Amino acid sequence: MMEQLYDPLRKKNVAATSEERVRQWFIAQLLGSAKVPAHLMMSETGFKSGGKQYRADILIFGRDGQPLAIVECKRPEIPITESVAEQAMRYNAVLSVKYIFLTNGAATLIFKRDSGTFRPMDHFPSFEEMI
């Protein structure tokens, strides 16, 4: 049987793939140092736009229930490139978030929407800062 990891957001065990390890590590960061309430996050969240099905690795919601941030996770050997950013931006076109996190576990890039443009951040924002 394949190794399993417990996903506290989905409340079940999931296959311990290398991307899932990154996702669970990032969820732990969000729950821990960023203090994002677990009930305001969802992992492996499906949504539709224009008949196309999308799946976000992690979505963070504001207290108003609106999407606040998208997290795109990649396996550690996948570099965080422009194409990874473009994937997150396609999700953003539907969800209109304020923050985008891109991570492969080794590198994490964080962007904040400022006057309609996403700009890189030099620190990991807490949930209170994000809202």
N, C-alpha and C. Protein backbone atom coordinates (compact mmCIF):
# COMPACT_ATOMS: atom_id res chain seq x y z
N MET A 1 0.85 -1.20 0.00
CA MET A 1 0.00 0.00 0.00
C MET A 1 0.88 1.25 0.00
N MET A 2 0.49 2.23 -0.80
CA MET A 2 1.27 3.46 -0.88
C MET A 2 1.18 4.24 0.43
N GLU A 3 2.28 4.89 0.76
CA GLU A 3 2.31 5.71 1.97
C GLU A 3 1.22 6.78 1.89
N GLN A 4 0.63 7.07 3.05
CA GLN A 4 -0.46 8.04 3.12
C GLN A 4 -0.05 9.23 4.00
N LEU A 5 -0.63 10.36 3.70
CA LEU A 5 -0.49 11.56 4.54
C LEU A 5 -1.90 12.00 4.92
N TYR A 6 -2.04 12.55 6.12
CA TYR A 6 -3.34 13.05 6.54
C TYR A 6 -3.47 14.51 6.10
N ASP A 7 -4.54 14.81 5.38
CA ASP A 7 -4.82 16.18 4.98
C ASP A 7 -5.84 16.75 5.97
N PRO A 8 -5.41 17.71 6.81
CA PRO A 8 -6.34 18.25 7.81
C PRO A 8 -7.48 19.06 7.20
N LEU A 9 -7.33 19.51 5.96
CA LEU A 9 -8.41 20.28 5.33
C LEU A 9 -9.46 19.36 4.73
N ARG A 10 -9.02 18.29 4.09
CA ARG A 10 -9.97 17.32 3.52
C ARG A 10 -10.41 16.30 4.57
N LYS A 11 -9.71 16.31 5.72
CA LYS A 11 -10.01 15.40 6.84
C LYS A 11 -9.98 13.93 6.42
N LYS A 12 -8.94 13.58 5.65
CA LYS A 12 -8.77 12.19 5.24
C LYS A 12 -7.32 11.95 4.84
N ASN A 13 -6.97 10.67 4.75
CA ASN A 13 -5.64 10.29 4.28
C ASN A 13 -5.61 10.38 2.76
N VAL A 14 -4.48 10.83 2.24
CA VAL A 14 -4.29 10.95 0.79
C VAL A 14 -2.94 10.33 0.44
N ALA A 15 -2.78 9.93 -0.82
CA ALA A 15 -1.53 9.32 -1.27
C ALA A 15 -0.38 10.30 -1.10
N ALA A 16 0.73 9.82 -0.55
CA ALA A 16 1.89 10.67 -0.25
C ALA A 16 2.78 10.88 -1.48
N THR A 17 2.23 11.53 -2.51
CA THR A 17 3.03 11.85 -3.70
C THR A 17 3.97 13.00 -3.34
N SER A 18 4.95 13.26 -4.18
CA SER A 18 5.87 14.37 -3.86
C SER A 18 5.15 15.72 -3.87
N GLU A 19 4.17 15.91 -4.79
CA GLU A 19 3.41 17.16 -4.77
C GLU A 19 2.54 17.26 -3.51
N GLU A 20 1.97 16.13 -3.10
CA GLU A 20 1.13 16.13 -1.88
C GLU A 20 1.96 16.47 -0.65
N ARG A 21 3.19 16.01 -0.60
CA ARG A 21 4.08 16.35 0.53
C ARG A 21 4.29 17.86 0.59
N VAL A 22 4.49 18.49 -0.58
CA VAL A 22 4.66 19.95 -0.63
C VAL A 22 3.36 20.62 -0.17
N ARG A 23 2.22 20.12 -0.66
CA ARG A 23 0.93 20.72 -0.28
C ARG A 23 0.73 20.63 1.24
N GLN A 24 1.00 19.46 1.83
CA GLN A 24 0.80 19.30 3.27
C GLN A 24 1.79 20.15 4.08
N TRP A 25 3.02 20.27 3.58
CA TRP A 25 4.00 21.14 4.25
C TRP A 25 3.50 22.59 4.23
N PHE A 26 2.95 23.02 3.07
CA PHE A 26 2.49 24.40 2.97
C PHE A 26 1.24 24.64 3.82
N ILE A 27 0.35 23.68 3.88
CA ILE A 27 -0.83 23.79 4.75
C ILE A 27 -0.36 23.97 6.19
N ALA A 28 0.67 23.22 6.60
CA ALA A 28 1.21 23.35 7.96
C ALA A 28 1.76 24.76 8.20
N GLN A 29 2.41 25.35 7.17
CA GLN A 29 2.92 26.73 7.29
C GLN A 29 1.76 27.70 7.47
N LEU A 30 0.71 27.51 6.67
CA LEU A 30 -0.45 28.41 6.74
C LEU A 30 -1.16 28.30 8.09
N LEU A 31 -1.33 27.07 8.58
CA LEU A 31 -1.98 26.88 9.87
C LEU A 31 -1.11 27.37 11.02
N GLY A 32 0.21 27.20 10.85
CA GLY A 32 1.15 27.54 11.92
C GLY A 32 1.49 29.01 11.94
N SER A 33 2.59 29.37 11.27
CA SER A 33 3.11 30.74 11.38
C SER A 33 2.16 31.79 10.81
N ALA A 34 1.41 31.45 9.75
CA ALA A 34 0.50 32.45 9.16
C ALA A 34 -0.84 32.53 9.90
N LYS A 35 -1.12 31.53 10.73
CA LYS A 35 -2.35 31.51 11.54
C LYS A 35 -3.63 31.63 10.70
N VAL A 36 -3.65 30.92 9.57
CA VAL A 36 -4.86 30.90 8.75
C VAL A 36 -5.82 29.88 9.38
N PRO A 37 -7.05 30.28 9.70
CA PRO A 37 -8.00 29.31 10.27
C PRO A 37 -8.28 28.17 9.29
N ALA A 38 -8.21 26.94 9.78
CA ALA A 38 -8.41 25.76 8.92
C ALA A 38 -9.74 25.81 8.18
N HIS A 39 -10.79 26.33 8.85
CA HIS A 39 -12.11 26.35 8.21
C HIS A 39 -12.19 27.37 7.07
N LEU A 40 -11.15 28.19 6.90
CA LEU A 40 -11.13 29.15 5.79
C LEU A 40 -10.17 28.73 4.69
N MET A 41 -9.80 27.44 4.69
CA MET A 41 -8.95 26.90 3.63
C MET A 41 -9.57 25.64 3.05
N MET A 42 -9.30 25.40 1.78
CA MET A 42 -9.71 24.15 1.12
C MET A 42 -8.55 23.68 0.27
N SER A 43 -8.32 22.36 0.25
CA SER A 43 -7.27 21.83 -0.62
C SER A 43 -7.91 21.02 -1.74
N GLU A 44 -7.22 21.00 -2.88
CA GLU A 44 -7.70 20.28 -4.07
C GLU A 44 -9.14 20.69 -4.40
N THR A 45 -9.33 21.98 -4.55
CA THR A 45 -10.65 22.55 -4.76
C THR A 45 -10.96 22.69 -6.24
N GLY A 46 -12.02 22.05 -6.69
CA GLY A 46 -12.43 22.16 -8.09
C GLY A 46 -13.37 23.33 -8.30
N PHE A 47 -13.22 23.96 -9.46
CA PHE A 47 -14.16 25.02 -9.84
C PHE A 47 -14.19 25.08 -11.36
N LYS A 48 -15.26 25.64 -11.89
CA LYS A 48 -15.45 25.71 -13.35
C LYS A 48 -15.45 27.14 -13.82
N SER A 49 -14.98 27.31 -15.06
CA SER A 49 -15.08 28.60 -15.72
C SER A 49 -15.15 28.35 -17.21
N GLY A 50 -16.17 28.90 -17.84
CA GLY A 50 -16.33 28.75 -19.28
C GLY A 50 -16.33 27.30 -19.72
N GLY A 51 -16.93 26.43 -18.90
CA GLY A 51 -17.01 25.02 -19.24
C GLY A 51 -15.75 24.23 -18.95
N LYS A 52 -14.67 24.91 -18.54
CA LYS A 52 -13.43 24.22 -18.21
C LYS A 52 -13.37 23.95 -16.72
N GLN A 53 -12.86 22.78 -16.38
CA GLN A 53 -12.72 22.40 -14.97
C GLN A 53 -11.30 22.73 -14.51
N TYR A 54 -11.17 23.40 -13.39
CA TYR A 54 -9.88 23.74 -12.80
C TYR A 54 -9.81 23.12 -11.41
N ARG A 55 -8.59 22.97 -10.90
CA ARG A 55 -8.41 22.44 -9.55
C ARG A 55 -7.26 23.19 -8.89
N ALA A 56 -7.59 23.98 -7.87
CA ALA A 56 -6.57 24.72 -7.13
C ALA A 56 -6.01 23.83 -6.02
N ASP A 57 -4.69 23.90 -5.81
CA ASP A 57 -4.08 23.10 -4.75
C ASP A 57 -4.61 23.51 -3.39
N ILE A 58 -4.57 24.80 -3.10
CA ILE A 58 -5.10 25.32 -1.83
C ILE A 58 -5.76 26.66 -2.13
N LEU A 59 -6.94 26.85 -1.59
CA LEU A 59 -7.60 28.16 -1.63
C LEU A 59 -7.75 28.65 -0.20
N ILE A 60 -7.48 29.93 -0.01
CA ILE A 60 -7.68 30.58 1.28
C ILE A 60 -8.82 31.57 1.09
N PHE A 61 -9.76 31.55 2.01
CA PHE A 61 -10.92 32.43 1.94
C PHE A 61 -10.84 33.49 3.03
N GLY A 62 -11.40 34.66 2.75
CA GLY A 62 -11.54 35.69 3.77
C GLY A 62 -12.71 35.34 4.68
N ARG A 63 -12.87 36.11 5.73
CA ARG A 63 -13.99 35.86 6.66
C ARG A 63 -15.34 36.09 5.99
N ASP A 64 -15.32 36.82 4.85
CA ASP A 64 -16.56 37.06 4.10
C ASP A 64 -16.90 35.90 3.17
N GLY A 65 -16.06 34.87 3.16
CA GLY A 65 -16.31 33.70 2.31
C GLY A 65 -15.81 33.84 0.89
N GLN A 66 -15.23 35.00 0.56
CA GLN A 66 -14.71 35.22 -0.79
C GLN A 66 -13.27 34.71 -0.89
N PRO A 67 -12.88 34.17 -2.05
CA PRO A 67 -11.50 33.71 -2.22
C PRO A 67 -10.51 34.85 -1.98
N LEU A 68 -9.49 34.57 -1.18
CA LEU A 68 -8.49 35.57 -0.79
C LEU A 68 -7.13 35.26 -1.42
N ALA A 69 -6.79 33.95 -1.50
CA ALA A 69 -5.48 33.57 -2.02
C ALA A 69 -5.55 32.21 -2.69
N ILE A 70 -4.70 32.06 -3.71
CA ILE A 70 -4.52 30.79 -4.41
C ILE A 70 -3.10 30.32 -4.10
N VAL A 71 -2.97 29.03 -3.77
CA VAL A 71 -1.64 28.44 -3.60
C VAL A 71 -1.49 27.36 -4.67
N GLU A 72 -0.45 27.49 -5.47
CA GLU A 72 -0.13 26.49 -6.49
C GLU A 72 1.12 25.74 -6.03
N CYS A 73 0.98 24.43 -5.83
CA CYS A 73 2.08 23.60 -5.36
C CYS A 73 2.61 22.72 -6.50
N LYS A 74 3.91 22.59 -6.53
CA LYS A 74 4.58 21.72 -7.51
C LYS A 74 5.50 20.76 -6.78
N ARG A 75 5.86 19.66 -7.44
CA ARG A 75 6.86 18.75 -6.88
C ARG A 75 8.17 19.51 -6.72
N PRO A 76 9.02 19.11 -5.76
CA PRO A 76 10.28 19.83 -5.52
C PRO A 76 11.17 19.96 -6.76
N GLU A 77 11.12 18.98 -7.65
CA GLU A 77 12.01 19.05 -8.83
C GLU A 77 11.45 19.93 -9.95
N ILE A 78 10.23 20.43 -9.79
CA ILE A 78 9.62 21.33 -10.80
C ILE A 78 9.95 22.77 -10.41
N PRO A 79 10.73 23.48 -11.23
CA PRO A 79 11.05 24.87 -10.88
C PRO A 79 9.82 25.78 -10.98
N ILE A 80 9.83 26.82 -10.17
CA ILE A 80 8.75 27.81 -10.21
C ILE A 80 9.06 28.76 -11.37
N THR A 81 8.39 28.52 -12.48
CA THR A 81 8.65 29.28 -13.71
C THR A 81 7.45 30.15 -14.06
N GLU A 82 7.60 30.86 -15.17
CA GLU A 82 6.52 31.70 -15.66
C GLU A 82 5.26 30.88 -15.94
N SER A 83 5.43 29.64 -16.43
CA SER A 83 4.24 28.82 -16.74
C SER A 83 3.46 28.46 -15.47
N VAL A 84 4.16 28.29 -14.34
CA VAL A 84 3.49 28.03 -13.06
C VAL A 84 2.69 29.28 -12.66
N ALA A 85 3.31 30.44 -12.83
CA ALA A 85 2.62 31.70 -12.53
C ALA A 85 1.41 31.89 -13.44
N GLU A 86 1.56 31.54 -14.72
CA GLU A 86 0.44 31.67 -15.65
C GLU A 86 -0.73 30.77 -15.26
N GLN A 87 -0.42 29.56 -14.77
CA GLN A 87 -1.49 28.65 -14.30
C GLN A 87 -2.26 29.31 -13.15
N ALA A 88 -1.54 29.87 -12.19
CA ALA A 88 -2.20 30.55 -11.07
C ALA A 88 -3.00 31.76 -11.56
N MET A 89 -2.49 32.46 -12.55
CA MET A 89 -3.21 33.63 -13.08
C MET A 89 -4.50 33.22 -13.79
N ARG A 90 -4.50 32.04 -14.43
CA ARG A 90 -5.75 31.54 -15.04
C ARG A 90 -6.79 31.30 -13.95
N TYR A 91 -6.36 30.75 -12.83
CA TYR A 91 -7.29 30.55 -11.70
C TYR A 91 -7.76 31.89 -11.18
N ASN A 92 -6.82 32.84 -11.10
CA ASN A 92 -7.17 34.16 -10.60
C ASN A 92 -8.19 34.86 -11.50
N ALA A 93 -8.14 34.61 -12.80
CA ALA A 93 -9.10 35.22 -13.72
C ALA A 93 -10.53 34.85 -13.33
N VAL A 94 -10.69 33.68 -12.71
CA VAL A 94 -12.01 33.22 -12.26
C VAL A 94 -12.28 33.69 -10.82
N LEU A 95 -11.27 33.57 -9.96
CA LEU A 95 -11.48 33.76 -8.52
C LEU A 95 -11.19 35.17 -8.02
N SER A 96 -10.40 35.93 -8.76
CA SER A 96 -10.07 37.31 -8.40
C SER A 96 -9.56 37.44 -6.95
N VAL A 97 -8.41 36.85 -6.70
CA VAL A 97 -7.83 36.86 -5.35
C VAL A 97 -6.88 38.04 -5.16
N LYS A 98 -6.49 38.24 -3.92
CA LYS A 98 -5.57 39.31 -3.55
C LYS A 98 -4.12 38.81 -3.47
N TYR A 99 -3.97 37.49 -3.21
CA TYR A 99 -2.63 36.90 -3.05
C TYR A 99 -2.49 35.64 -3.89
N ILE A 100 -1.27 35.42 -4.38
CA ILE A 100 -0.92 34.18 -5.08
C ILE A 100 0.38 33.66 -4.46
N PHE A 101 0.35 32.40 -4.06
CA PHE A 101 1.54 31.72 -3.53
C PHE A 101 1.93 30.63 -4.53
N LEU A 102 3.19 30.57 -4.89
CA LEU A 102 3.71 29.52 -5.77
C LEU A 102 4.82 28.83 -5.00
N THR A 103 4.75 27.50 -4.84
CA THR A 103 5.79 26.81 -4.08
C THR A 103 6.08 25.43 -4.62
N ASN A 104 7.33 25.02 -4.48
CA ASN A 104 7.72 23.64 -4.75
C ASN A 104 8.37 23.05 -3.50
N GLY A 105 8.20 23.73 -2.38
CA GLY A 105 8.77 23.27 -1.12
C GLY A 105 10.17 23.84 -0.89
N ALA A 106 10.95 23.96 -1.96
CA ALA A 106 12.31 24.51 -1.86
C ALA A 106 12.27 26.02 -2.06
N ALA A 107 11.42 26.48 -2.98
CA ALA A 107 11.28 27.91 -3.27
C ALA A 107 9.79 28.27 -3.17
N THR A 108 9.52 29.41 -2.56
CA THR A 108 8.15 29.91 -2.47
C THR A 108 8.15 31.37 -2.91
N LEU A 109 7.29 31.67 -3.88
CA LEU A 109 7.13 33.05 -4.33
C LEU A 109 5.73 33.51 -3.92
N ILE A 110 5.66 34.73 -3.42
CA ILE A 110 4.38 35.27 -2.94
C ILE A 110 4.13 36.60 -3.65
N PHE A 111 2.92 36.73 -4.17
CA PHE A 111 2.55 37.95 -4.89
C PHE A 111 1.28 38.53 -4.29
N LYS A 112 1.24 39.85 -4.20
CA LYS A 112 0.06 40.56 -3.69
C LYS A 112 -0.45 41.47 -4.79
N ARG A 113 -1.77 41.46 -4.99
CA ARG A 113 -2.37 42.36 -5.98
C ARG A 113 -2.37 43.78 -5.43
N ASP A 114 -1.83 44.67 -6.22
CA ASP A 114 -1.73 46.07 -5.82
C ASP A 114 -2.12 46.90 -7.04
N SER A 115 -3.23 47.59 -6.97
CA SER A 115 -3.74 48.38 -8.10
C SER A 115 -3.84 47.55 -9.37
N GLY A 116 -4.35 46.33 -9.23
CA GLY A 116 -4.59 45.49 -10.40
C GLY A 116 -3.39 44.71 -10.89
N THR A 117 -2.21 44.93 -10.31
CA THR A 117 -0.99 44.24 -10.72
C THR A 117 -0.47 43.41 -9.56
N PHE A 118 -0.02 42.19 -9.86
CA PHE A 118 0.57 41.37 -8.80
C PHE A 118 2.04 41.73 -8.64
N ARG A 119 2.42 42.06 -7.42
CA ARG A 119 3.81 42.44 -7.13
C ARG A 119 4.39 41.44 -6.13
N PRO A 120 5.68 41.10 -6.28
CA PRO A 120 6.30 40.15 -5.35
C PRO A 120 6.38 40.72 -3.93
N MET A 121 6.20 39.83 -2.97
CA MET A 121 6.33 40.21 -1.56
C MET A 121 7.65 39.65 -1.04
N ASP A 122 8.21 40.32 -0.04
CA ASP A 122 9.48 39.87 0.52
C ASP A 122 9.30 39.13 1.85
N HIS A 123 8.04 38.87 2.24
CA HIS A 123 7.79 38.13 3.48
C HIS A 123 6.50 37.32 3.34
N PHE A 124 6.33 36.37 4.23
CA PHE A 124 5.15 35.51 4.25
C PHE A 124 4.10 36.22 5.10
N PRO A 125 3.00 36.69 4.50
CA PRO A 125 2.01 37.44 5.28
C PRO A 125 1.20 36.54 6.20
N SER A 126 0.85 37.08 7.35
CA SER A 126 -0.06 36.36 8.25
C SER A 126 -1.49 36.52 7.70
N PHE A 127 -2.39 35.70 8.21
CA PHE A 127 -3.79 35.80 7.78
C PHE A 127 -4.33 37.20 8.08
N GLU A 128 -4.00 37.73 9.26
CA GLU A 128 -4.48 39.06 9.63
C GLU A 128 -3.99 40.12 8.65
N GLU A 129 -2.76 39.97 8.17
CA GLU A 129 -2.25 40.91 7.18
C GLU A 129 -2.97 40.74 5.83
N MET A 130 -3.27 39.49 5.48
CA MET A 130 -3.93 39.23 4.20
C MET A 130 -5.33 39.82 4.14
N ILE A 131 -6.06 39.72 5.26
CA ILE A 131 -7.43 40.24 5.23
C ILE A 131 -7.40 41.73 5.47
